[in-house]
Amino acid sequence: MMSSDWILAAVVGLAAGLHCATWGMYKDGPFEGFSWRTYMRSPVLATGIALALAALFPGEFRGAAGATVLFGVTYGLERAFSEIYKTFIREQDQSKYTIPMQFAVFGRVVKSRAVRLAVGAGYLAVGLAVLYGTHRLQMADTGMPRVLEIFLVSSAGGWISAFGGAWKDAPIEGFHTFKFFRSPAFAFGYGALLSMLTPRYPFLFLGAIGYTVATIETYKTFFFPNKKRGKFQGKEPVFQDFLRTRNRFVPLYVAITLVVLVTAGVALSTAQGTTSQGVAF
């Protein structure tokens, strides 16, 4: 593999991780405080994921199209690994949260670590099964219209996110129909766009949910900066000074977002009219 491939993968992974870390820090920092160790967790993990993907699929992630796909796939995997860790593995005092971050049933945290690990293993198995299923669907001659296949593949991650979010939030906040269908809808849209850049269904599945999370979290965090997130409803910020300090990270977040948008725009404009693999609108 060319050295430029490694460099691109490292840069894309770092960008995806910093993007995740910044919106997370921005909304949680006033309540939990800030530490560089916590902030750099996502960038380190995402960089490792991107480099691993580049090694597993040599030559796959080149140019604007490759970078666009890699960013989404890395984002999706980083979020999946982080959420599995926080929900099923990490031991943490949950009293600071209105909505528990550890695995809970009807809003009550499951105390048994063994049970949480068992459920987490099952959750991971379902995710891997869906991922493998997307690969099998790509290999099979189903006779289905391609747009239907892409809908099934790309929205799958959105449905997993929707059901997981409803399980966690609904017992405390109530069920919101729009919120439930939002992730699958966004995921299908992003999957349709990514289908013009890569023929690999597993990448559509992971990339669609990655871009969906990035979009929804950007909207919730930066369009409503003073609105408390659900897990902190009813809580007051402990670190009041950080409400101002966190704004120093906004230019970095905006810069990464703009670079991703421009790169994706270049990739899609180049792909239009030259690929027969994507969904035609």
C-alpha atoms as a PDB file:
ATOM      1  CA  MET A   1       0.000   0.000   0.000  1.00  0.00           C
ATOM      2  CA  MET A   2       1.296   3.458  -0.887  1.00  0.00           C
ATOM      3  CA  SER A   3       2.457   5.759   1.908  1.00  0.00           C
ATOM      4  CA  SER A   4      -0.076   8.344   0.742  1.00  0.00           C
ATOM      5  CA  ASP A   5      -2.853   5.857   1.559  1.00  0.00           C
ATOM      6  CA  TRP A   6      -1.638   5.608   5.143  1.00  0.00           C
ATOM      7  CA  ILE A   7      -1.398   9.387   5.444  1.00  0.00           C
ATOM      8  CA  LEU A   8      -4.903   9.910   4.068  1.00  0.00           C
ATOM      9  CA  ALA A   9      -6.329   7.255   6.378  1.00  0.00           C
ATOM     10  CA  ALA A  10      -4.615   8.795   9.411  1.00  0.00           C
ATOM     11  CA  VAL A  11      -5.832  12.303   8.548  1.00  0.00           C
ATOM     12  CA  VAL A  12      -9.400  11.150   7.880  1.00  0.00           C
ATOM     13  CA  GLY A  13      -9.476   9.069  11.071  1.00  0.00           C
ATOM     14  CA  LEU A  14      -8.134  11.939  13.157  1.00  0.00           C
ATOM     15  CA  ALA A  15     -10.679  14.324  11.632  1.00  0.00           C
ATOM     16  CA  ALA A  16     -13.566  11.932  12.328  1.00  0.00           C
ATOM     17  CA  GLY A  17     -12.415  11.423  15.912  1.00  0.00           C
ATOM     18  CA  LEU A  18     -11.980  15.135  16.601  1.00  0.00           C
ATOM     19  CA  HIS A  19     -15.421  15.781  15.140  1.00  0.00           C
ATOM     20  CA  CYS A  20     -16.976  13.212  17.511  1.00  0.00           C
ATOM     21  CA  ALA A  21     -14.967  14.405  20.499  1.00  0.00           C
ATOM     22  CA  THR A  22     -15.821  18.064  19.968  1.00  0.00           C
ATOM     23  CA  TRP A  23     -19.608  17.797  19.923  1.00  0.00           C
ATOM     24  CA  GLY A  24     -19.411  15.375  22.847  1.00  0.00           C
ATOM     25  CA  MET A  25     -17.223  17.731  24.855  1.00  0.00           C
ATOM     26  CA  TYR A  26     -19.334  20.752  23.938  1.00  0.00           C
ATOM     27  CA  LYS A  27     -22.559  19.313  25.304  1.00  0.00           C
ATOM     28  CA  ASP A  28     -21.184  17.289  28.234  1.00  0.00           C
ATOM     29  CA  GLY A  29     -18.267  19.433  29.425  1.00  0.00           C
ATOM     30  CA  PRO A  30     -20.336  21.936  31.443  1.00  0.00           C
ATOM     31  CA  PHE A  31     -21.746  19.031  33.461  1.00  0.00           C
ATOM     32  CA  GLU A  32     -18.795  16.620  33.589  1.00  0.00           C
ATOM     33  CA  GLY A  33     -15.760  18.843  33.186  1.00  0.00           C
ATOM     34  CA  PHE A  34     -13.029  18.649  30.577  1.00  0.00           C
ATOM     35  CA  SER A  35      -9.882  16.531  30.370  1.00  0.00           C
ATOM     36  CA  TRP A  36      -7.565  16.056  27.425  1.00  0.00           C
ATOM     37  CA  ARG A  37      -7.483  12.322  28.128  1.00  0.00           C
ATOM     38  CA  THR A  38     -11.228  12.048  27.599  1.00  0.00           C
ATOM     39  CA  TYR A  39     -11.228  14.431  24.657  1.00  0.00           C
ATOM     40  CA  MET A  40      -8.499  12.532  22.801  1.00  0.00           C
ATOM     41  CA  ARG A  41     -10.131   9.122  23.291  1.00  0.00           C
ATOM     42  CA  SER A  42     -12.248   9.350  20.133  1.00  0.00           C
ATOM     43  CA  PRO A  43      -9.457  10.767  17.912  1.00  0.00           C
ATOM     44  CA  VAL A  44      -7.091   7.956  18.937  1.00  0.00           C
ATOM     45  CA  LEU A  45      -9.740   5.279  18.447  1.00  0.00           C
ATOM     46  CA  ALA A  46     -10.951   6.684  15.124  1.00  0.00           C
ATOM     47  CA  THR A  47      -7.409   7.010  13.771  1.00  0.00           C
ATOM     48  CA  GLY A  48      -6.769   3.377  14.645  1.00  0.00           C
ATOM     49  CA  ILE A  49     -10.013   2.329  12.959  1.00  0.00           C
ATOM     50  CA  ALA A  50      -9.213   4.255   9.777  1.00  0.00           C
ATOM     51  CA  LEU A  51      -5.699   2.798   9.573  1.00  0.00           C
ATOM     52  CA  ALA A  52      -7.074  -0.707  10.126  1.00  0.00           C
ATOM     53  CA  LEU A  53      -9.611  -0.209   7.344  1.00  0.00           C
ATOM     54  CA  ALA A  54      -6.888   1.037   5.012  1.00  0.00           C
ATOM     55  CA  ALA A  55      -4.837  -2.077   5.786  1.00  0.00           C
ATOM     56  CA  LEU A  56      -7.774  -4.446   5.300  1.00  0.00           C
ATOM     57  CA  PHE A  57      -8.869  -2.802   2.042  1.00  0.00           C
ATOM     58  CA  PRO A  58      -5.666  -1.610   0.343  1.00  0.00           C
ATOM     59  CA  GLY A  59      -6.237   0.947  -2.370  1.00  0.00           C
ATOM     60  CA  GLU A  60      -9.927   1.284  -1.487  1.00  0.00           C
ATOM     61  CA  PHE A  61      -9.817   4.751   0.048  1.00  0.00           C
ATOM     62  CA  ARG A  62      -8.160   7.083  -2.418  1.00  0.00           C
ATOM     63  CA  GLY A  63      -9.094  10.525  -3.644  1.00  0.00           C
ATOM     64  CA  ALA A  64     -12.141  12.516  -2.638  1.00  0.00           C
ATOM     65  CA  ALA A  65     -14.502   9.550  -2.983  1.00  0.00           C
ATOM     66  CA  GLY A  66     -12.352   7.284  -0.843  1.00  0.00           C
ATOM     67  CA  ALA A  67     -11.912   9.940   1.836  1.00  0.00           C
ATOM     68  CA  THR A  68     -15.668  10.610   1.936  1.00  0.00           C
ATOM     69  CA  VAL A  69     -16.503   6.933   2.351  1.00  0.00           C
ATOM     70  CA  LEU A  70     -13.733   6.361   4.904  1.00  0.00           C
ATOM     71  CA  PHE A  71     -14.863   9.307   7.041  1.00  0.00           C
ATOM     72  CA  GLY A  72     -18.413   7.949   7.291  1.00  0.00           C
ATOM     73  CA  VAL A  73     -17.378   4.341   7.918  1.00  0.00           C
ATOM     74  CA  THR A  74     -14.829   5.376  10.558  1.00  0.00           C
ATOM     75  CA  TYR A  75     -17.377   7.620  12.238  1.00  0.00           C
ATOM     76  CA  GLY A  76     -19.940   4.825  12.346  1.00  0.00           C
ATOM     77  CA  LEU A  77     -17.509   2.289  13.805  1.00  0.00           C
ATOM     78  CA  GLU A  78     -16.119   4.730  16.373  1.00  0.00           C
ATOM     79  CA  ARG A  79     -19.604   5.554  17.607  1.00  0.00           C
ATOM     80  CA  ALA A  80     -20.564   1.873  17.723  1.00  0.00           C
ATOM     81  CA  PHE A  81     -17.499   0.856  19.741  1.00  0.00           C
ATOM     82  CA  SER A  82     -17.810   3.845  22.083  1.00  0.00           C
ATOM     83  CA  GLU A  83     -21.508   3.303  22.766  1.00  0.00           C
ATOM     84  CA  ILE A  84     -21.056  -0.442  23.368  1.00  0.00           C
ATOM     85  CA  TYR A  85     -18.273   0.344  25.848  1.00  0.00           C
ATOM     86  CA  LYS A  86     -20.244   3.032  27.697  1.00  0.00           C
ATOM     87  CA  THR A  87     -23.496   1.080  27.740  1.00  0.00           C
ATOM     88  CA  PHE A  88     -22.397  -2.451  28.568  1.00  0.00           C
ATOM     89  CA  ILE A  89     -18.811  -2.416  29.874  1.00  0.00           C
ATOM     90  CA  ARG A  90     -17.930   0.810  31.696  1.00  0.00           C
ATOM     91  CA  GLU A  91     -18.628   1.060  35.424  1.00  0.00           C
ATOM     92  CA  GLN A  92     -19.699   4.592  36.320  1.00  0.00           C
ATOM     93  CA  ASP A  93     -21.833   6.413  38.859  1.00  0.00           C
ATOM     94  CA  GLN A  94     -25.147   7.065  37.087  1.00  0.00           C
ATOM     95  CA  SER A  95     -26.591   9.480  39.635  1.00  0.00           C
ATOM     96  CA  LYS A  96     -25.367  12.484  37.634  1.00  0.00           C
ATOM     97  CA  TYR A  97     -27.597  11.487  34.712  1.00  0.00           C
ATOM     98  CA  THR A  98     -31.329  11.925  34.286  1.00  0.00           C
ATOM     99  CA  ILE A  99     -31.283   9.186  31.644  1.00  0.00           C
ATOM    100  CA  PRO A 100     -28.899   6.321  32.537  1.00  0.00           C
ATOM    101  CA  MET A 101     -26.000   5.805  30.158  1.00  0.00           C
ATOM    102  CA  GLN A 102     -25.433   2.204  31.255  1.00  0.00           C
ATOM    103  CA  PHE A 103     -27.785  -0.519  30.081  1.00  0.00           C
ATOM    104  CA  ALA A 104     -31.142  -0.067  31.787  1.00  0.00           C
ATOM    105  CA  VAL A 105     -34.605  -1.613  31.645  1.00  0.00           C
ATOM    106  CA  PHE A 106     -37.497   0.872  31.835  1.00  0.00           C
ATOM    107  CA  GLY A 107     -35.051   3.506  33.071  1.00  0.00           C
ATOM    108  CA  ARG A 108     -33.558   1.370  35.860  1.00  0.00           C
ATOM    109  CA  VAL A 109     -29.872   0.458  35.531  1.00  0.00           C
ATOM    110  CA  VAL A 110     -29.081  -3.250  35.410  1.00  0.00           C
ATOM    111  CA  LYS A 111     -26.652  -3.665  38.309  1.00  0.00           C
ATOM    112  CA  SER A 112     -25.284  -7.070  37.331  1.00  0.00           C
ATOM    113  CA  ARG A 113     -22.128  -6.631  35.274  1.00  0.00           C
ATOM    114  CA  ALA A 114     -22.451 -10.202  33.986  1.00  0.00           C
ATOM    115  CA  VAL A 115     -25.953  -9.512  32.655  1.00  0.00           C
ATOM    116  CA  ARG A 116     -24.836  -6.279  31.021  1.00  0.00           C
ATOM    117  CA  LEU A 117     -21.904  -8.029  29.355  1.00  0.00           C
ATOM    118  CA  ALA A 118     -24.165 -10.836  28.126  1.00  0.00           C
ATOM    119  CA  VAL A 119     -26.663  -8.359  26.659  1.00  0.00           C
ATOM    120  CA  GLY A 120     -23.804  -6.372  25.166  1.00  0.00           C
ATOM    121  CA  ALA A 121     -22.430  -9.495  23.503  1.00  0.00           C
ATOM    122  CA  GLY A 122     -25.868 -10.155  22.046  1.00  0.00           C
ATOM    123  CA  TYR A 123     -26.143  -6.580  20.834  1.00  0.00           C
ATOM    124  CA  LEU A 124     -22.722  -6.823  19.175  1.00  0.00           C
ATOM    125  CA  ALA A 125     -23.703 -10.149  17.595  1.00  0.00           C
ATOM    126  CA  VAL A 126     -26.810  -8.578  16.080  1.00  0.00           C
ATOM    127  CA  GLY A 127     -24.767  -5.720  14.657  1.00  0.00           C
ATOM    128  CA  LEU A 128     -22.207  -8.088  13.160  1.00  0.00           C
ATOM    129  CA  ALA A 129     -24.990 -10.271  11.744  1.00  0.00           C
ATOM    130  CA  VAL A 130     -26.564  -7.261  10.031  1.00  0.00           C
ATOM    131  CA  LEU A 131     -23.156  -6.206   8.710  1.00  0.00           C
ATOM    132  CA  TYR A 132     -22.557  -9.697   7.313  1.00  0.00           C
ATOM    133  CA  GLY A 133     -26.079  -9.706   5.910  1.00  0.00           C
ATOM    134  CA  THR A 134     -25.329  -6.558   3.917  1.00  0.00           C
ATOM    135  CA  HIS A 135     -22.342  -8.342   2.387  1.00  0.00           C
ATOM    136  CA  ARG A 136     -24.427 -11.393   1.522  1.00  0.00           C
ATOM    137  CA  LEU A 137     -27.102  -9.199  -0.020  1.00  0.00           C
ATOM    138  CA  GLN A 138     -24.493  -7.590  -2.242  1.00  0.00           C
ATOM    139  CA  MET A 139     -23.284 -11.018  -3.387  1.00  0.00           C
ATOM    140  CA  ALA A 140     -26.772 -12.459  -4.002  1.00  0.00           C
ATOM    141  CA  ASP A 141     -28.866 -12.020  -7.122  1.00  0.00           C
ATOM    142  CA  THR A 142     -32.071 -10.999  -5.361  1.00  0.00           C
ATOM    143  CA  GLY A 143     -33.875  -9.525  -8.330  1.00  0.00           C
ATOM    144  CA  MET A 144     -34.858  -6.555  -6.164  1.00  0.00           C
ATOM    145  CA  PRO A 145     -34.547  -3.021  -7.555  1.00  0.00           C
ATOM    146  CA  ARG A 146     -31.217  -1.556  -6.480  1.00  0.00           C
ATOM    147  CA  VAL A 147     -32.913   1.354  -4.743  1.00  0.00           C
ATOM    148  CA  LEU A 148     -34.727  -1.133  -2.488  1.00  0.00           C
ATOM    149  CA  GLU A 149     -31.495  -2.943  -1.670  1.00  0.00           C
ATOM    150  CA  ILE A 150     -29.818   0.345  -0.795  1.00  0.00           C
ATOM    151  CA  PHE A 151     -32.784   1.327   1.351  1.00  0.00           C
ATOM    152  CA  LEU A 152     -32.570  -1.938   3.305  1.00  0.00           C
ATOM    153  CA  VAL A 153     -28.800  -1.691   3.727  1.00  0.00           C
ATOM    154  CA  SER A 154     -28.398   1.988   4.535  1.00  0.00           C
ATOM    155  CA  SER A 155     -31.438   2.358   6.794  1.00  0.00           C
ATOM    156  CA  ALA A 156     -30.494  -0.724   8.848  1.00  0.00           C
ATOM    157  CA  GLY A 157     -28.064   1.240  11.015  1.00  0.00           C
ATOM    158  CA  GLY A 158     -30.690   3.935  11.461  1.00  0.00           C
ATOM    159  CA  TRP A 159     -33.195   1.387  12.736  1.00  0.00           C
ATOM    160  CA  ILE A 160     -30.655  -0.029  15.196  1.00  0.00           C
ATOM    161  CA  SER A 161     -29.981   3.491  16.449  1.00  0.00           C
ATOM    162  CA  ALA A 162     -33.702   4.307  16.620  1.00  0.00           C
ATOM    163  CA  PHE A 163     -34.606   1.221  18.640  1.00  0.00           C
ATOM    164  CA  GLY A 164     -31.589   1.654  20.910  1.00  0.00           C
ATOM    165  CA  GLY A 165     -32.421   5.298  21.519  1.00  0.00           C
ATOM    166  CA  ALA A 166     -36.074   4.546  22.216  1.00  0.00           C
ATOM    167  CA  TRP A 167     -35.118   1.773  24.667  1.00  0.00           C
ATOM    168  CA  LYS A 168     -32.870   4.188  26.563  1.00  0.00           C
ATOM    169  CA  ASP A 169     -34.794   7.476  26.338  1.00  0.00           C
ATOM    170  CA  ALA A 170     -38.494   6.642  26.045  1.00  0.00           C
ATOM    171  CA  PRO A 171     -38.984   5.455  29.671  1.00  0.00           C
ATOM    172  CA  ILE A 172     -37.816   8.894  30.852  1.00  0.00           C
ATOM    173  CA  GLU A 173     -38.719  11.283  28.017  1.00  0.00           C
ATOM    174  CA  GLY A 174     -41.618   9.427  26.429  1.00  0.00           C
ATOM    175  CA  PHE A 175     -41.806   8.118  22.869  1.00  0.00           C
ATOM    176  CA  HIS A 176     -41.399  10.646  20.044  1.00  0.00           C
ATOM    177  CA  THR A 177     -42.491   9.409  16.617  1.00  0.00           C
ATOM    178  CA  PHE A 178     -40.456  11.955  14.640  1.00  0.00           C
ATOM    179  CA  LYS A 179     -37.331  11.222  16.659  1.00  0.00           C
ATOM    180  CA  PHE A 180     -37.785   7.469  16.138  1.00  0.00           C
ATOM    181  CA  PHE A 181     -38.004   7.664  12.335  1.00  0.00           C
ATOM    182  CA  ARG A 182     -35.406  10.424  11.956  1.00  0.00           C
ATOM    183  CA  SER A 183     -32.311   8.207  11.982  1.00  0.00           C
ATOM    184  CA  PRO A 184     -33.565   5.641   9.422  1.00  0.00           C
ATOM    185  CA  ALA A 185     -34.644   8.447   7.088  1.00  0.00           C
ATOM    186  CA  PHE A 186     -31.310  10.257   7.290  1.00  0.00           C
ATOM    187  CA  ALA A 187     -29.424   6.977   6.946  1.00  0.00           C
ATOM    188  CA  PHE A 188     -31.229   6.088   3.727  1.00  0.00           C
ATOM    189  CA  GLY A 189     -30.450   9.508   2.276  1.00  0.00           C
ATOM    190  CA  TYR A 190     -26.774   9.222   3.110  1.00  0.00           C
ATOM    191  CA  GLY A 191     -26.667   5.623   1.914  1.00  0.00           C
ATOM    192  CA  ALA A 192     -28.103   6.687  -1.436  1.00  0.00           C
ATOM    193  CA  LEU A 193     -25.359   9.302  -1.808  1.00  0.00           C
ATOM    194  CA  LEU A 194     -22.595   6.935  -0.715  1.00  0.00           C
ATOM    195  CA  SER A 195     -23.840   4.341  -3.195  1.00  0.00           C
ATOM    196  CA  MET A 196     -22.479   6.640  -5.921  1.00  0.00           C
ATOM    197  CA  LEU A 197     -19.014   6.423  -4.368  1.00  0.00           C
ATOM    198  CA  THR A 198     -18.657   2.772  -3.375  1.00  0.00           C
ATOM    199  CA  PRO A 199     -20.301  -0.485  -4.448  1.00  0.00           C
ATOM    200  CA  ARG A 200     -19.684  -2.141  -1.059  1.00  0.00           C
ATOM    201  CA  TYR A 201     -22.906  -2.565   0.901  1.00  0.00           C
ATOM    202  CA  PRO A 202     -21.158  -2.915   4.314  1.00  0.00           C
ATOM    203  CA  PHE A 203     -19.612   0.510   3.717  1.00  0.00           C
ATOM    204  CA  LEU A 204     -23.059   1.936   2.925  1.00  0.00           C
ATOM    205  CA  PHE A 205     -24.406   0.471   6.160  1.00  0.00           C
ATOM    206  CA  LEU A 206     -21.600   1.868   8.328  1.00  0.00           C
ATOM    207  CA  GLY A 207     -21.077   5.123   6.466  1.00  0.00           C
ATOM    208  CA  ALA A 208     -24.775   5.991   6.428  1.00  0.00           C
ATOM    209  CA  ILE A 209     -25.110   5.718  10.187  1.00  0.00           C
ATOM    210  CA  GLY A 210     -21.820   7.564  10.657  1.00  0.00           C
ATOM    211  CA  TYR A 211     -22.984  10.578   8.675  1.00  0.00           C
ATOM    212  CA  THR A 212     -26.415  10.362  10.284  1.00  0.00           C
ATOM    213  CA  VAL A 213     -24.939  10.617  13.778  1.00  0.00           C
ATOM    214  CA  ALA A 214     -22.656  13.469  12.714  1.00  0.00           C
ATOM    215  CA  THR A 215     -25.576  15.416  11.228  1.00  0.00           C
ATOM    216  CA  ILE A 216     -28.030  14.915  14.085  1.00  0.00           C
ATOM    217  CA  GLU A 217     -25.472  15.660  16.789  1.00  0.00           C
ATOM    218  CA  THR A 218     -24.259  18.771  14.968  1.00  0.00           C
ATOM    219  CA  TYR A 219     -27.834  20.041  14.759  1.00  0.00           C
ATOM    220  CA  LYS A 220     -28.696  19.297  18.381  1.00  0.00           C
ATOM    221  CA  THR A 221     -25.403  20.556  19.809  1.00  0.00           C
ATOM    222  CA  PHE A 222     -24.619  23.696  17.860  1.00  0.00           C
ATOM    223  CA  PHE A 223     -28.021  24.910  16.668  1.00  0.00           C
ATOM    224  CA  PHE A 224     -29.353  24.709  20.235  1.00  0.00           C
ATOM    225  CA  PRO A 225     -26.207  25.236  22.329  1.00  0.00           C
ATOM    226  CA  ASN A 226     -28.043  26.188  25.522  1.00  0.00           C
ATOM    227  CA  LYS A 227     -30.591  23.380  25.423  1.00  0.00           C
ATOM    228  CA  LYS A 228     -29.794  20.630  27.907  1.00  0.00           C
ATOM    229  CA  ARG A 229     -29.418  17.164  26.484  1.00  0.00           C
ATOM    230  CA  GLY A 230     -31.862  14.548  27.690  1.00  0.00           C
ATOM    231  CA  LYS A 231     -29.399  12.825  29.990  1.00  0.00           C
ATOM    232  CA  PHE A 232     -28.870  16.091  31.881  1.00  0.00           C
ATOM    233  CA  GLN A 233     -32.482  17.312  31.990  1.00  0.00           C
ATOM    234  CA  GLY A 234     -33.172  18.839  35.383  1.00  0.00           C
ATOM    235  CA  LYS A 235     -29.457  19.181  36.140  1.00  0.00           C
ATOM    236  CA  GLU A 236     -27.491  22.413  36.419  1.00  0.00           C
ATOM    237  CA  PRO A 237     -24.019  22.822  34.861  1.00  0.00           C
ATOM    238  CA  VAL A 238     -21.338  22.169  37.461  1.00  0.00           C
ATOM    239  CA  PHE A 239     -18.575  23.847  35.468  1.00  0.00           C
ATOM    240  CA  GLN A 240     -20.094  27.204  34.563  1.00  0.00           C
ATOM    241  CA  ASP A 241     -16.846  28.655  33.194  1.00  0.00           C
ATOM    242  CA  PHE A 242     -16.690  25.903  30.613  1.00  0.00           C
ATOM    243  CA  LEU A 243     -19.812  27.288  28.928  1.00  0.00           C
ATOM    244  CA  ARG A 244     -17.457  29.939  27.519  1.00  0.00           C
ATOM    245  CA  THR A 245     -14.271  27.882  27.255  1.00  0.00           C
ATOM    246  CA  ARG A 246     -15.889  25.276  25.017  1.00  0.00           C
ATOM    247  CA  ASN A 247     -16.398  27.859  22.264  1.00  0.00           C
ATOM    248  CA  ARG A 248     -12.653  27.793  21.572  1.00  0.00           C
ATOM    249  CA  PHE A 249     -13.153  24.408  19.922  1.00  0.00           C
ATOM    250  CA  VAL A 250     -15.923  25.556  17.572  1.00  0.00           C
ATOM    251  CA  PRO A 251     -13.586  26.816  14.780  1.00  0.00           C
ATOM    252  CA  LEU A 252     -11.941  23.383  14.629  1.00  0.00           C
ATOM    253  CA  TYR A 253     -15.341  21.714  14.384  1.00  0.00           C
ATOM    254  CA  VAL A 254     -16.519  24.082  11.668  1.00  0.00           C
ATOM    255  CA  ALA A 255     -13.286  23.612   9.715  1.00  0.00           C
ATOM    256  CA  ILE A 256     -13.583  19.807   9.764  1.00  0.00           C
ATOM    257  CA  THR A 257     -17.246  19.999   8.759  1.00  0.00           C
ATOM    258  CA  LEU A 258     -16.509  22.320   5.842  1.00  0.00           C
ATOM    259  CA  VAL A 259     -13.630  20.159   4.595  1.00  0.00           C
ATOM    260  CA  VAL A 260     -15.849  17.069   4.723  1.00  0.00           C
ATOM    261  CA  LEU A 261     -18.654  18.848   2.856  1.00  0.00           C
ATOM    262  CA  VAL A 262     -16.316  20.173   0.156  1.00  0.00           C
ATOM    263  CA  THR A 263     -14.625  16.788  -0.234  1.00  0.00           C
ATOM    264  CA  ALA A 264     -17.984  15.033  -0.500  1.00  0.00           C
ATOM    265  CA  GLY A 265     -19.181  17.618  -2.988  1.00  0.00           C
ATOM    266  CA  VAL A 266     -16.120  17.057  -5.173  1.00  0.00           C
ATOM    267  CA  ALA A 267     -16.536  13.280  -4.936  1.00  0.00           C
ATOM    268  CA  LEU A 268     -20.232  13.338  -5.838  1.00  0.00           C
ATOM    269  CA  SER A 269     -19.820  15.841  -8.660  1.00  0.00           C
ATOM    270  CA  THR A 270     -17.131  13.640 -10.162  1.00  0.00           C
ATOM    271  CA  ALA A 271     -19.250  10.506  -9.719  1.00  0.00           C
ATOM    272  CA  GLN A 272     -22.432  11.944 -11.280  1.00  0.00           C
ATOM    273  CA  GLY A 273     -22.905  10.649 -14.759  1.00  0.00           C
ATOM    274  CA  THR A 274     -19.917   8.317 -14.531  1.00  0.00           C
ATOM    275  CA  THR A 275     -21.181   5.564 -12.257  1.00  0.00           C
ATOM    276  CA  SER A 276     -24.095   3.254 -12.782  1.00  0.00           C
ATOM    277  CA  GLN A 277     -23.858   1.838  -9.268  1.00  0.00           C
ATOM    278  CA  GLY A 278     -25.602   4.574  -7.355  1.00  0.00           C
ATOM    279  CA  VAL A 279     -29.247   5.439  -6.953  1.00  0.00           C
ATOM    280  CA  ALA A 280     -30.589   7.652  -9.704  1.00  0.00           C
ATOM    281  CA  PHE A 281     -32.869  10.450  -8.526  1.00  0.00           C
END
